[in-house]
C-alpha atoms as a PDB file:
ATOM      1  CA  UNK A   1      42.741  59.040 -15.140  1.00  0.00           C
ATOM      2  CA  UNK A   2      46.072  59.927 -13.617  1.00  0.00           C
ATOM      3  CA  UNK A   3      47.844  57.209 -16.274  1.00  0.00           C
ATOM      4  CA  UNK A   4      49.956  56.271 -12.772  1.00  0.00           C
ATOM      5  CA  UNK A   5      50.492  52.456 -12.967  1.00  0.00           C
ATOM      6  CA  UNK A   6      50.097  50.815  -9.667  1.00  0.00           C
ATOM      7  CA  UNK A   7      52.503  50.428  -7.483  1.00  0.00           C
ATOM      8  CA  UNK A   8      53.895  46.763  -7.003  1.00  0.00           C
ATOM      9  CA  UNK A   9      55.242  45.790  -3.450  1.00  0.00           C
ATOM     10  CA  UNK A  10      58.960  43.860  -2.973  1.00  0.00           C
ATOM     11  CA  UNK A  11      58.964  40.542  -1.447  1.00  0.00           C
ATOM     12  CA  UNK A  12      60.442  42.591   1.759  1.00  0.00           C
ATOM     13  CA  UNK A  13      57.327  45.263   1.234  1.00  0.00           C
ATOM     14  CA  UNK A  14      55.158  42.407   1.225  1.00  0.00           C
ATOM     15  CA  UNK A  15      56.931  40.135   4.198  1.00  0.00           C
ATOM     16  CA  UNK A  16      57.204  43.311   6.068  1.00  0.00           C
ATOM     17  CA  UNK A  17      53.163  44.323   5.634  1.00  0.00           C
ATOM     18  CA  UNK A  18      51.924  41.529   6.683  1.00  0.00           C
ATOM     19  CA  UNK A  19      53.821  41.083   9.393  1.00  0.00           C
ATOM     20  CA  UNK A  20      52.798  44.393  10.491  1.00  0.00           C
ATOM     21  CA  UNK A  21      49.082  43.148   9.770  1.00  0.00           C
ATOM     22  CA  UNK A  22      48.445  45.017   6.634  1.00  0.00           C
ATOM     23  CA  UNK A  23      44.976  43.307   5.554  1.00  0.00           C
ATOM     24  CA  UNK A  24      45.264  44.486   1.556  1.00  0.00           C
ATOM     25  CA  UNK A  25      48.456  42.923   1.315  1.00  0.00           C
ATOM     26  CA  UNK A  26      47.692  39.990   3.012  1.00  0.00           C
ATOM     27  CA  UNK A  27      44.855  39.769   0.718  1.00  0.00           C
ATOM     28  CA  UNK A  28      47.148  40.263  -2.550  1.00  0.00           C
ATOM     29  CA  UNK A  29      49.594  37.357  -1.411  1.00  0.00           C
ATOM     30  CA  UNK A  30      46.902  34.984  -0.922  1.00  0.00           C
ATOM     31  CA  UNK A  31      45.533  36.014  -4.564  1.00  0.00           C
ATOM     32  CA  UNK A  32      49.152  35.439  -5.998  1.00  0.00           C
ATOM     33  CA  UNK A  33      48.800  31.595  -4.100  1.00  0.00           C
ATOM     34  CA  UNK A  34      46.176  30.907  -5.430  1.00  0.00           C
ATOM     35  CA  UNK A  35      47.201  32.631  -8.602  1.00  0.00           C
ATOM     36  CA  UNK A  36      47.934  29.038 -11.606  1.00  0.00           C
ATOM     37  CA  UNK A  37      50.676  31.845 -13.304  1.00  0.00           C
ATOM     38  CA  UNK A  38      54.177  30.044 -12.659  1.00  0.00           C
ATOM     39  CA  UNK A  39      55.807  33.831 -11.753  1.00  0.00           C
ATOM     40  CA  UNK A  40      53.250  34.790  -8.961  1.00  0.00           C
ATOM     41  CA  UNK A  41      53.626  31.214  -8.023  1.00  0.00           C
ATOM     42  CA  UNK A  42      57.259  32.089  -7.476  1.00  0.00           C
ATOM     43  CA  UNK A  43      56.240  35.471  -5.793  1.00  0.00           C
ATOM     44  CA  UNK A  44      54.060  33.708  -2.924  1.00  0.00           C
ATOM     45  CA  UNK A  45      56.785  31.040  -2.087  1.00  0.00           C
ATOM     46  CA  UNK A  46      59.056  33.523  -1.812  1.00  0.00           C
ATOM     47  CA  UNK A  47      56.934  35.588   0.172  1.00  0.00           C
ATOM     48  CA  UNK A  48      56.000  32.226   2.396  1.00  0.00           C
ATOM     49  CA  UNK A  49      59.343  31.434   3.241  1.00  0.00           C
ATOM     50  CA  UNK A  50      60.284  34.371   4.582  1.00  0.00           C
ATOM     51  CA  UNK A  51      57.208  34.654   6.952  1.00  0.00           C
ATOM     52  CA  UNK A  52      57.500  30.952   8.188  1.00  0.00           C
ATOM     53  CA  UNK A  53      57.733  30.654  11.801  1.00  0.00           C
ATOM     54  CA  UNK A  54      55.781  33.661  13.020  1.00  0.00           C
ATOM     55  CA  UNK A  55      52.367  32.035  14.119  1.00  0.00           C
ATOM     56  CA  UNK A  56      53.672  28.983  16.223  1.00  0.00           C
ATOM     57  CA  UNK A  57      50.621  30.077  18.910  1.00  0.00           C
ATOM     58  CA  UNK A  58      47.845  29.896  16.538  1.00  0.00           C
ATOM     59  CA  UNK A  59      45.149  27.126  16.666  1.00  0.00           C
ATOM     60  CA  UNK A  60      43.663  26.256  13.675  1.00  0.00           C
ATOM     61  CA  UNK A  61      40.013  25.296  13.164  1.00  0.00           C
ATOM     62  CA  UNK A  62      38.459  23.163  11.030  1.00  0.00           C
ATOM     63  CA  UNK A  63      34.097  23.414  10.656  1.00  0.00           C
ATOM     64  CA  UNK A  64      32.692  20.448   9.022  1.00  0.00           C
ATOM     65  CA  UNK A  65      28.932  19.493   8.378  1.00  0.00           C
ATOM     66  CA  UNK A  66      26.311  18.349   6.431  1.00  0.00           C
ATOM     67  CA  UNK A  67      24.573  21.707   4.560  1.00  0.00           C
ATOM     68  CA  UNK A  68      21.729  23.546   6.696  1.00  0.00           C
ATOM     69  CA  UNK A  69      23.633  22.697   9.419  1.00  0.00           C
ATOM     70  CA  UNK A  70      24.041  26.252   9.878  1.00  0.00           C
ATOM     71  CA  UNK A  71      28.297  26.271   9.227  1.00  0.00           C
ATOM     72  CA  UNK A  72      28.245  29.680   8.574  1.00  0.00           C
ATOM     73  CA  UNK A  73      25.956  31.341  10.567  1.00  0.00           C
ATOM     74  CA  UNK A  74      27.659  29.324  13.878  1.00  0.00           C
ATOM     75  CA  UNK A  75      31.873  30.452  12.832  1.00  0.00           C
ATOM     76  CA  UNK A  76      30.220  34.064  12.502  1.00  0.00           C
ATOM     77  CA  UNK A  77      28.833  33.344  16.285  1.00  0.00           C
ATOM     78  CA  UNK A  78      32.327  32.048  17.380  1.00  0.00           C
ATOM     79  CA  UNK A  79      34.159  34.616  15.487  1.00  0.00           C
ATOM     80  CA  UNK A  80      31.809  37.230  17.143  1.00  0.00           C
ATOM     81  CA  UNK A  81      32.701  35.689  20.700  1.00  0.00           C
ATOM     82  CA  UNK A  82      36.231  35.480  20.255  1.00  0.00           C
ATOM     83  CA  UNK A  83      36.783  38.898  19.028  1.00  0.00           C
ATOM     84  CA  UNK A  84      34.685  40.649  21.734  1.00  0.00           C
ATOM     85  CA  UNK A  85      37.662  38.338  23.616  1.00  0.00           C
ATOM     86  CA  UNK A  86      40.290  40.443  22.292  1.00  0.00           C
ATOM     87  CA  UNK A  87      41.324  38.094  19.907  1.00  0.00           C
ATOM     88  CA  UNK A  88      42.642  38.185  16.108  1.00  0.00           C
ATOM     89  CA  UNK A  89      40.062  35.946  13.414  1.00  0.00           C
ATOM     90  CA  UNK A  90      40.370  34.881  10.538  1.00  0.00           C
ATOM     91  CA  UNK A  91      38.144  32.708   8.650  1.00  0.00           C
ATOM     92  CA  UNK A  92      38.810  30.829   5.842  1.00  0.00           C
ATOM     93  CA  UNK A  93      35.442  29.857   3.993  1.00  0.00           C
ATOM     94  CA  UNK A  94      35.904  28.282   1.392  1.00  0.00           C
ATOM     95  CA  UNK A  95      33.051  28.282  -1.651  1.00  0.00           C
ATOM     96  CA  UNK A  96      31.950  25.782  -3.579  1.00  0.00           C
ATOM     97  CA  UNK A  97      32.671  25.877  -6.941  1.00  0.00           C
ATOM     98  CA  UNK A  98      30.212  25.640  -9.833  1.00  0.00           C
ATOM     99  CA  UNK A  99      31.630  22.819 -12.462  1.00  0.00           C
ATOM    100  CA  UNK A 100      30.856  24.137 -15.267  1.00  0.00           C
ATOM    101  CA  UNK A 101      31.729  27.703 -15.034  1.00  0.00           C
ATOM    102  CA  UNK A 102      33.761  27.141 -12.238  1.00  0.00           C
ATOM    103  CA  UNK A 103      33.173  30.184 -10.762  1.00  0.00           C
ATOM    104  CA  UNK A 104      32.468  30.658  -6.917  1.00  0.00           C
ATOM    105  CA  UNK A 105      28.582  29.629  -5.776  1.00  0.00           C
ATOM    106  CA  UNK A 106      28.862  31.469  -2.462  1.00  0.00           C
ATOM    107  CA  UNK A 107      29.843  34.991  -1.075  1.00  0.00           C
ATOM    108  CA  UNK A 108      30.735  34.299   2.285  1.00  0.00           C
ATOM    109  CA  UNK A 109      31.451  37.917   3.229  1.00  0.00           C
ATOM    110  CA  UNK A 110      28.106  38.403   2.205  1.00  0.00           C
ATOM    111  CA  UNK A 111      26.870  35.513   5.348  1.00  0.00           C
ATOM    112  CA  UNK A 112      28.948  37.132   7.990  1.00  0.00           C
ATOM    113  CA  UNK A 113      27.883  40.526   7.466  1.00  0.00           C
ATOM    114  CA  UNK A 114      28.536  40.918  11.840  1.00  0.00           C
ATOM    115  CA  UNK A 115      31.667  39.999  11.590  1.00  0.00           C
ATOM    116  CA  UNK A 116      33.389  41.042   8.598  1.00  0.00           C
ATOM    117  CA  UNK A 117      32.625  44.614   9.624  1.00  0.00           C
ATOM    118  CA  UNK A 118      35.028  43.513  12.432  1.00  0.00           C
ATOM    119  CA  UNK A 119      38.524  45.088  12.032  1.00  0.00           C
ATOM    120  CA  UNK A 120      40.270  42.162  14.293  1.00  0.00           C
ATOM    121  CA  UNK A 121      38.543  40.026  11.494  1.00  0.00           C
ATOM    122  CA  UNK A 122      39.535  38.926   8.529  1.00  0.00           C
ATOM    123  CA  UNK A 123      36.954  36.848   5.657  1.00  0.00           C
ATOM    124  CA  UNK A 124      38.689  34.649   2.687  1.00  0.00           C
ATOM    125  CA  UNK A 125      35.948  33.118   0.704  1.00  0.00           C
ATOM    126  CA  UNK A 126      38.004  30.785  -1.710  1.00  0.00           C
ATOM    127  CA  UNK A 127      36.390  28.775  -4.132  1.00  0.00           C
ATOM    128  CA  UNK A 128      37.696  24.750  -3.647  1.00  0.00           C
ATOM    129  CA  UNK A 129      38.214  24.049  -7.896  1.00  0.00           C
ATOM    130  CA  UNK A 130      36.234  21.009  -7.382  1.00  0.00           C
ATOM    131  CA  UNK A 131      39.091  19.727  -5.093  1.00  0.00           C
ATOM    132  CA  UNK A 132      38.319  16.407  -3.397  1.00  0.00           C
ATOM    133  CA  UNK A 133      39.329  17.663   0.163  1.00  0.00           C
ATOM    134  CA  UNK A 134      36.445  20.356   1.308  1.00  0.00           C
ATOM    135  CA  UNK A 135      39.113  23.003   1.319  1.00  0.00           C
ATOM    136  CA  UNK A 136      41.346  24.772  -1.445  1.00  0.00           C
ATOM    137  CA  UNK A 137      43.994  23.647  -3.138  1.00  0.00           C
ATOM    138  CA  UNK A 138      46.438  26.794  -1.306  1.00  0.00           C
ATOM    139  CA  UNK A 139      44.193  26.317   1.651  1.00  0.00           C
ATOM    140  CA  UNK A 140      47.598  25.328   4.111  1.00  0.00           C
ATOM    141  CA  UNK A 141      50.006  27.954   2.319  1.00  0.00           C
ATOM    142  CA  UNK A 142      46.809  30.830   3.175  1.00  0.00           C
ATOM    143  CA  UNK A 143      46.593  28.953   6.430  1.00  0.00           C
ATOM    144  CA  UNK A 144      49.936  30.919   6.662  1.00  0.00           C
ATOM    145  CA  UNK A 145      50.156  33.835   5.177  1.00  0.00           C
ATOM    146  CA  UNK A 146      47.557  34.742   8.260  1.00  0.00           C
ATOM    147  CA  UNK A 147      49.406  33.639  11.016  1.00  0.00           C
ATOM    148  CA  UNK A 148      52.335  35.175   9.804  1.00  0.00           C
ATOM    149  CA  UNK A 149      49.952  38.294   9.576  1.00  0.00           C
ATOM    150  CA  UNK A 150      49.086  37.360  13.720  1.00  0.00           C
ATOM    151  CA  UNK A 151      45.614  36.242  13.667  1.00  0.00           C
ATOM    152  CA  UNK A 152      45.478  33.960  16.739  1.00  0.00           C
ATOM    153  CA  UNK A 153      42.319  32.020  15.641  1.00  0.00           C
ATOM    154  CA  UNK A 154      42.312  30.661  12.200  1.00  0.00           C
ATOM    155  CA  UNK A 155      38.677  28.437  11.373  1.00  0.00           C
ATOM    156  CA  UNK A 156      38.107  26.794   8.113  1.00  0.00           C
ATOM    157  CA  UNK A 157      34.887  26.148   7.036  1.00  0.00           C
ATOM    158  CA  UNK A 158      34.702  23.434   4.198  1.00  0.00           C
ATOM    159  CA  UNK A 159      32.816  22.250   1.779  1.00  0.00           C
ATOM    160  CA  UNK A 160      29.418  19.988   2.879  1.00  0.00           C
ATOM    161  CA  UNK A 161      30.632  16.684   4.543  1.00  0.00           C
ATOM    162  CA  UNK A 162      31.972  13.214   3.596  1.00  0.00           C
ATOM    163  CA  UNK A 163      34.940  10.645   2.979  1.00  0.00           C
ATOM    164  CA  UNK A 164      36.793  13.220   0.959  1.00  0.00           C
ATOM    165  CA  UNK A 165      37.057  16.188   3.752  1.00  0.00           C
ATOM    166  CA  UNK A 166      39.470  13.521   5.816  1.00  0.00           C
ATOM    167  CA  UNK A 167      42.426  15.934   3.407  1.00  0.00           C
ATOM    168  CA  UNK A 168      41.180  19.382   5.316  1.00  0.00           C
ATOM    169  CA  UNK A 169      42.532  17.070   8.695  1.00  0.00           C
ATOM    170  CA  UNK A 170      45.866  17.531   7.528  1.00  0.00           C
ATOM    171  CA  UNK A 171      45.552  21.399   8.035  1.00  0.00           C
ATOM    172  CA  UNK A 172      44.158  21.974  11.262  1.00  0.00           C
ATOM    173  CA  UNK A 173      44.115  20.931  14.677  1.00  0.00           C
ATOM    174  CA  UNK A 174      41.292  20.739  15.933  1.00  0.00           C
ATOM    175  CA  UNK A 175      37.619  19.584  13.678  1.00  0.00           C
ATOM    176  CA  UNK A 176      34.218  20.712  14.595  1.00  0.00           C
ATOM    177  CA  UNK A 177      31.306  18.729  13.339  1.00  0.00           C
ATOM    178  CA  UNK A 178      27.739  20.266  13.149  1.00  0.00           C
ATOM    179  CA  UNK A 179      24.979  18.236  13.130  1.00  0.00           C
ATOM    180  CA  UNK A 180      21.621  18.961  13.209  1.00  0.00           C
ATOM    181  CA  UNK A 181      18.676  17.903  15.348  1.00  0.00           C
ATOM    182  CA  UNK A 182      17.065  15.060  14.959  1.00  0.00           C
ATOM    183  CA  UNK A 183      19.819  13.412  13.146  1.00  0.00           C
ATOM    184  CA  UNK A 184      19.346  10.001  14.738  1.00  0.00           C
ATOM    185  CA  UNK A 185      19.082   8.551  11.034  1.00  0.00           C
ATOM    186  CA  UNK A 186      21.570  11.381   9.252  1.00  0.00           C
ATOM    187  CA  UNK A 187      24.202   9.881  11.402  1.00  0.00           C
ATOM    188  CA  UNK A 188      23.341   6.452   9.212  1.00  0.00           C
ATOM    189  CA  UNK A 189      24.436   8.178   5.929  1.00  0.00           C
ATOM    190  CA  UNK A 190      27.477  10.174   7.178  1.00  0.00           C
ATOM    191  CA  UNK A 191      30.618   8.420   6.783  1.00  0.00           C
ATOM    192  CA  UNK A 192      31.813   6.647   9.476  1.00  0.00           C
ATOM    193  CA  UNK A 193      35.451   8.797   8.089  1.00  0.00           C
ATOM    194  CA  UNK A 194      34.616  12.132   9.167  1.00  0.00           C
ATOM    195  CA  UNK A 195      32.614  10.787  12.955  1.00  0.00           C
ATOM    196  CA  UNK A 196      36.445   9.532  13.343  1.00  0.00           C
ATOM    197  CA  UNK A 197      38.145  12.720  12.835  1.00  0.00           C
ATOM    198  CA  UNK A 198      36.135  15.344  14.454  1.00  0.00           C
ATOM    199  CA  UNK A 199      37.391  16.508  18.242  1.00  0.00           C
ATOM    200  CA  UNK A 200      33.757  17.402  19.343  1.00  0.00           C
ATOM    201  CA  UNK A 201      30.360  17.939  17.620  1.00  0.00           C
ATOM    202  CA  UNK A 202      28.024  20.652  18.297  1.00  0.00           C
ATOM    203  CA  UNK A 203      24.482  19.755  17.933  1.00  0.00           C
ATOM    204  CA  UNK A 204      23.662  23.202  16.305  1.00  0.00           C
ATOM    205  CA  UNK A 205      20.059  25.018  15.692  1.00  0.00           C
ATOM    206  CA  UNK A 206      19.817  23.792  19.947  1.00  0.00           C
ATOM    207  CA  UNK A 207      16.610  26.238  19.847  1.00  0.00           C
ATOM    208  CA  UNK A 208      14.282  26.567  22.281  1.00  0.00           C
ATOM    209  CA  UNK A 209      11.133  25.043  20.838  1.00  0.00           C
ATOM    210  CA  UNK A 210      13.857  22.505  19.463  1.00  0.00           C
ATOM    211  CA  UNK A 211      15.327  21.464  22.596  1.00  0.00           C
ATOM    212  CA  UNK A 212      13.831  18.315  23.540  1.00  0.00           C
ATOM    213  CA  UNK A 213      14.379  16.345  20.017  1.00  0.00           C
ATOM    214  CA  UNK A 214      18.377  18.011  20.421  1.00  0.00           C
ATOM    215  CA  UNK A 215      19.138  16.880  23.639  1.00  0.00           C
ATOM    216  CA  UNK A 216      17.936  13.334  21.904  1.00  0.00           C
ATOM    217  CA  UNK A 217      20.851  13.954  19.132  1.00  0.00           C
ATOM    218  CA  UNK A 218      22.991  14.765  21.306  1.00  0.00           C
ATOM    219  CA  UNK A 219      22.667  10.887  23.373  1.00  0.00           C
ATOM    220  CA  UNK A 220      22.675   9.381  20.093  1.00  0.00           C
ATOM    221  CA  UNK A 221      25.952  11.023  19.195  1.00  0.00           C
ATOM    222  CA  UNK A 222      27.849  10.026  22.176  1.00  0.00           C
ATOM    223  CA  UNK A 223      26.279   6.796  21.361  1.00  0.00           C
ATOM    224  CA  UNK A 224      27.915   6.630  17.932  1.00  0.00           C
ATOM    225  CA  UNK A 225      31.079   8.390  19.190  1.00  0.00           C
ATOM    226  CA  UNK A 226      31.434   5.587  21.842  1.00  0.00           C
ATOM    227  CA  UNK A 227      31.551   2.923  19.457  1.00  0.00           C
ATOM    228  CA  UNK A 228      34.967   5.196  17.055  1.00  0.00           C
ATOM    229  CA  UNK A 229      38.738   4.436  18.108  1.00  0.00           C
ATOM    230  CA  UNK A 230      40.030   7.153  20.266  1.00  0.00           C
ATOM    231  CA  UNK A 231      41.980   9.352  17.851  1.00  0.00           C
ATOM    232  CA  UNK A 232      44.396  11.542  20.543  1.00  0.00           C
ATOM    233  CA  UNK A 233      44.654   9.185  23.634  1.00  0.00           C
ATOM    234  CA  UNK A 234      43.129  10.423  26.543  1.00  0.00           C
ATOM    235  CA  UNK A 235      41.284  13.000  24.656  1.00  0.00           C
ATOM    236  CA  UNK A 236      37.605  13.091  25.302  1.00  0.00           C
ATOM    237  CA  UNK A 237      35.489  13.851  22.617  1.00  0.00           C
ATOM    238  CA  UNK A 238      32.293  16.375  23.547  1.00  0.00           C
ATOM    239  CA  UNK A 239      28.852  16.412  22.039  1.00  0.00           C
ATOM    240  CA  UNK A 240      27.375  20.065  22.502  1.00  0.00           C
ATOM    241  CA  UNK A 241      24.149  21.368  22.146  1.00  0.00           C
ATOM    242  CA  UNK A 242      24.646  25.183  20.485  1.00  0.00           C
ATOM    243  CA  UNK A 243      22.459  27.674  18.981  1.00  0.00           C
ATOM    244  CA  UNK A 244      24.114  29.718  16.879  1.00  0.00           C
ATOM    245  CA  UNK A 245      20.795  32.447  16.024  1.00  0.00           C
ATOM    246  CA  UNK A 246      20.267  32.835  20.309  1.00  0.00           C
ATOM    247  CA  UNK A 247      24.306  32.789  20.997  1.00  0.00           C
ATOM    248  CA  UNK A 248      23.669  29.476  23.228  1.00  0.00           C
ATOM    249  CA  UNK A 249      26.445  27.091  23.925  1.00  0.00           C
ATOM    250  CA  UNK A 250      29.600  29.030  21.559  1.00  0.00           C
ATOM    251  CA  UNK A 251      31.518  30.024  25.138  1.00  0.00           C
ATOM    252  CA  UNK A 252      30.910  26.338  25.835  1.00  0.00           C
ATOM    253  CA  UNK A 253      32.442  24.929  22.171  1.00  0.00           C
ATOM    254  CA  UNK A 254      35.757  27.459  22.098  1.00  0.00           C
ATOM    255  CA  UNK A 255      36.112  26.364  26.251  1.00  0.00           C
ATOM    256  CA  UNK A 256      36.541  22.697  25.256  1.00  0.00           C
ATOM    257  CA  UNK A 257      38.443  23.500  22.169  1.00  0.00           C
ATOM    258  CA  UNK A 258      41.393  25.138  24.347  1.00  0.00           C
ATOM    259  CA  UNK A 259      41.239  22.495  26.507  1.00  0.00           C
ATOM    260  CA  UNK A 260      41.968  20.377  24.110  1.00  0.00           C
ATOM    261  CA  UNK A 261      45.161  22.704  22.968  1.00  0.00           C
ATOM    262  CA  UNK A 262      46.047  22.823  25.869  1.00  0.00           C
ATOM    263  CA  UNK A 263      46.401  18.747  26.720  1.00  0.00           C
ATOM    264  CA  UNK A 264      47.683  18.904  23.170  1.00  0.00           C
ATOM    265  CA  UNK A 265      50.758  20.459  23.802  1.00  0.00           C
ATOM    266  CA  UNK A 266      51.480  19.033  27.598  1.00  0.00           C
ATOM    267  CA  UNK A 267      51.734  15.506  26.079  1.00  0.00           C
ATOM    268  CA  UNK A 268      53.306  17.496  22.835  1.00  0.00           C
ATOM    269  CA  UNK A 269      51.291  16.017  20.260  1.00  0.00           C
ATOM    270  CA  UNK A 270      50.389  19.384  19.814  1.00  0.00           C
ATOM    271  CA  UNK A 271      54.209  19.643  18.228  1.00  0.00           C
ATOM    272  CA  UNK A 272      54.089  16.367  16.134  1.00  0.00           C
ATOM    273  CA  UNK A 273      50.576  16.842  14.824  1.00  0.00           C
ATOM    274  CA  UNK A 274      52.072  20.861  13.119  1.00  0.00           C
ATOM    275  CA  UNK A 275      55.126  18.336  11.900  1.00  0.00           C
ATOM    276  CA  UNK A 276      52.502  16.294  10.378  1.00  0.00           C
ATOM    277  CA  UNK A 277      50.978  18.850   8.290  1.00  0.00           C
ATOM    278  CA  UNK A 278      54.196  20.293   7.466  1.00  0.00           C
ATOM    279  CA  UNK A 279      55.410  16.738   5.836  1.00  0.00           C
ATOM    280  CA  UNK A 280      51.675  16.807   4.205  1.00  0.00           C
ATOM    281  CA  UNK A 281      52.052  19.846   2.690  1.00  0.00           C
ATOM    282  CA  UNK A 282      55.720  19.259   1.246  1.00  0.00           C
ATOM    283  CA  UNK A 283      53.998  16.162  -0.290  1.00  0.00           C
ATOM    284  CA  UNK A 284      51.024  17.587  -1.962  1.00  0.00           C
ATOM    285  CA  UNK A 285      52.352  20.486  -2.974  1.00  0.00           C
ATOM    286  CA  UNK A 286      55.564  18.242  -4.977  1.00  0.00           C
ATOM    287  CA  UNK A 287      52.512  16.036  -6.033  1.00  0.00           C
ATOM    288  CA  UNK A 288      50.836  18.915  -7.569  1.00  0.00           C
ATOM    289  CA  UNK A 289      53.792  20.711  -8.920  1.00  0.00           C
ATOM    290  CA  UNK A 290      55.016  16.694 -11.344  1.00  0.00           C
ATOM    291  CA  UNK A 291      51.141  16.072 -12.390  1.00  0.00           C
ATOM    292  CA  UNK A 292      51.383  19.839 -13.382  1.00  0.00           C
ATOM    293  CA  UNK A 293      54.339  19.642 -15.179  1.00  0.00           C
ATOM    294  CA  UNK A 294      53.633  16.253 -16.781  1.00  0.00           C
ATOM    295  CA  UNK A 295      50.425  17.441 -18.530  1.00  0.00           C
ATOM    296  CA  UNK A 296      52.418  20.368 -19.951  1.00  0.00           C
ATOM    297  CA  UNK A 297      55.118  18.308 -21.362  1.00  0.00           C
ATOM    298  CA  UNK A 298      55.231  18.475 -25.177  1.00  0.00           C
ATOM    299  CA  UNK A 299      55.587  14.897 -25.691  1.00  0.00           C
ATOM    300  CA  UNK A 300      52.626  14.306 -23.302  1.00  0.00           C
ATOM    301  CA  UNK A 301      50.446  16.425 -25.035  1.00  0.00           C
ATOM    302  CA  UNK A 302      51.598  14.955 -28.482  1.00  0.00           C
ATOM    303  CA  UNK A 303      50.890  11.356 -27.493  1.00  0.00           C
ATOM    304  CA  UNK A 304      47.716  12.300 -24.893  1.00  0.00           C
ATOM    305  CA  UNK A 305      45.187  12.053 -27.789  1.00  0.00           C
ATOM    306  CA  UNK A 306      45.564   9.088 -29.758  1.00  0.00           C
ATOM    307  CA  UNK A 307      45.885   7.263 -26.699  1.00  0.00           C
ATOM    308  CA  UNK A 308      43.380   8.284 -25.097  1.00  0.00           C
ATOM    309  CA  UNK A 309      41.612   7.321 -28.381  1.00  0.00           C
ATOM    310  CA  UNK A 310      42.795   4.218 -28.280  1.00  0.00           C
ATOM    311  CA  UNK A 311      41.924   3.634 -24.963  1.00  0.00           C
ATOM    312  CA  UNK A 312      38.577   4.875 -25.411  1.00  0.00           C
ATOM    313  CA  UNK A 313      37.925   2.147 -28.117  1.00  0.00           C
ATOM    314  CA  UNK A 314      39.171  -1.048 -26.335  1.00  0.00           C
ATOM    315  CA  UNK A 315      42.064  -1.342 -28.218  1.00  0.00           C
ATOM    316  CA  UNK A 316      44.549  -0.212 -25.710  1.00  0.00           C
ATOM    317  CA  UNK A 317      43.841  -1.253 -21.498  1.00  0.00           C
ATOM    318  CA  UNK A 318      44.175   2.524 -19.338  1.00  0.00           C
ATOM    319  CA  UNK A 319      46.550   1.224 -17.270  1.00  0.00           C
ATOM    320  CA  UNK A 320      48.770   0.342 -20.506  1.00  0.00           C
ATOM    321  CA  UNK A 321      48.084   3.890 -22.190  1.00  0.00           C
ATOM    322  CA  UNK A 322      48.910   5.249 -18.746  1.00  0.00           C
ATOM    323  CA  UNK A 323      51.891   3.464 -19.554  1.00  0.00           C
ATOM    324  CA  UNK A 324      52.555   4.585 -22.788  1.00  0.00           C
ATOM    325  CA  UNK A 325      52.267   8.433 -21.531  1.00  0.00           C
ATOM    326  CA  UNK A 326      55.178   8.163 -19.154  1.00  0.00           C
ATOM    327  CA  UNK A 327      56.903   6.415 -21.943  1.00  0.00           C
ATOM    328  CA  UNK A 328      56.926   9.688 -23.606  1.00  0.00           C
ATOM    329  CA  UNK A 329      57.124  12.108 -20.639  1.00  0.00           C
ATOM    330  CA  UNK A 330      60.161  10.335 -19.821  1.00  0.00           C
ATOM    331  CA  UNK A 331      61.820  10.448 -23.984  1.00  0.00           C
ATOM    332  CA  UNK A 332      61.936   6.634 -23.638  1.00  0.00           C
END
């Protein structure tokens, strides 16, 4: 060993490297964003502040669907289609985290080997850490870093499907819901909320042998969409048939996304939606910081166990217990 220490880039070197497409520095900046250490958090946000305004022309796509819908295979097929067309693509694949070990269960790079080999693609598996929104807590900030690095399409793969994934709607421009052929009964089990936030539906795995059943599922989905209110005035949500394995329908999905982006930009809704996303991120980070400051306060730590025991024993209501913790935090 040489004994030389690894060079720690300056904020300026980080910013310059990210803007010039340095994947190594981009990865290191994202690692700083995901860190819980205060000094890393401060450094990440200093870098991010100086990277802002670099990705106005990007498209952010959220891909969701029930487990087994083929999200990773579909995203790889879409990513390959986009890189073939000369676009730079970032995939933020949210891994389910083990609730016991907090470790990441899946490894998305191993599931997208062809796309990972493309120099125009950047794949970042991120543990969800049990976060309710179907996206990792720092996903939105990671999107901003990827845009600063020049990635034109940011694809966010989310965990499963459910009401909590509406959080994803606050950080992407377009949400694609993947369904399986024969999903008529499955529609009953899908939360209405996730159908409402979808901008398009793709009935995936519509391979040659399952084409007829896929057509029936397409009609079922179209009927379900007609019963829901419009998400964007004037935008008719389509149901498309895709086969990620056969490469069928992938170009049609991308055309639909581009049509949506053009329509939203023309109406002015695109800019307004991005402004709302920034507002949501501001409030989400403020709430997270307040929560952390609250539980780390010495007075709260000192009072917490006793108050918890009183609540568990039934001698104090959870509401009164929370009020007592807030009093301790405020020093009253």
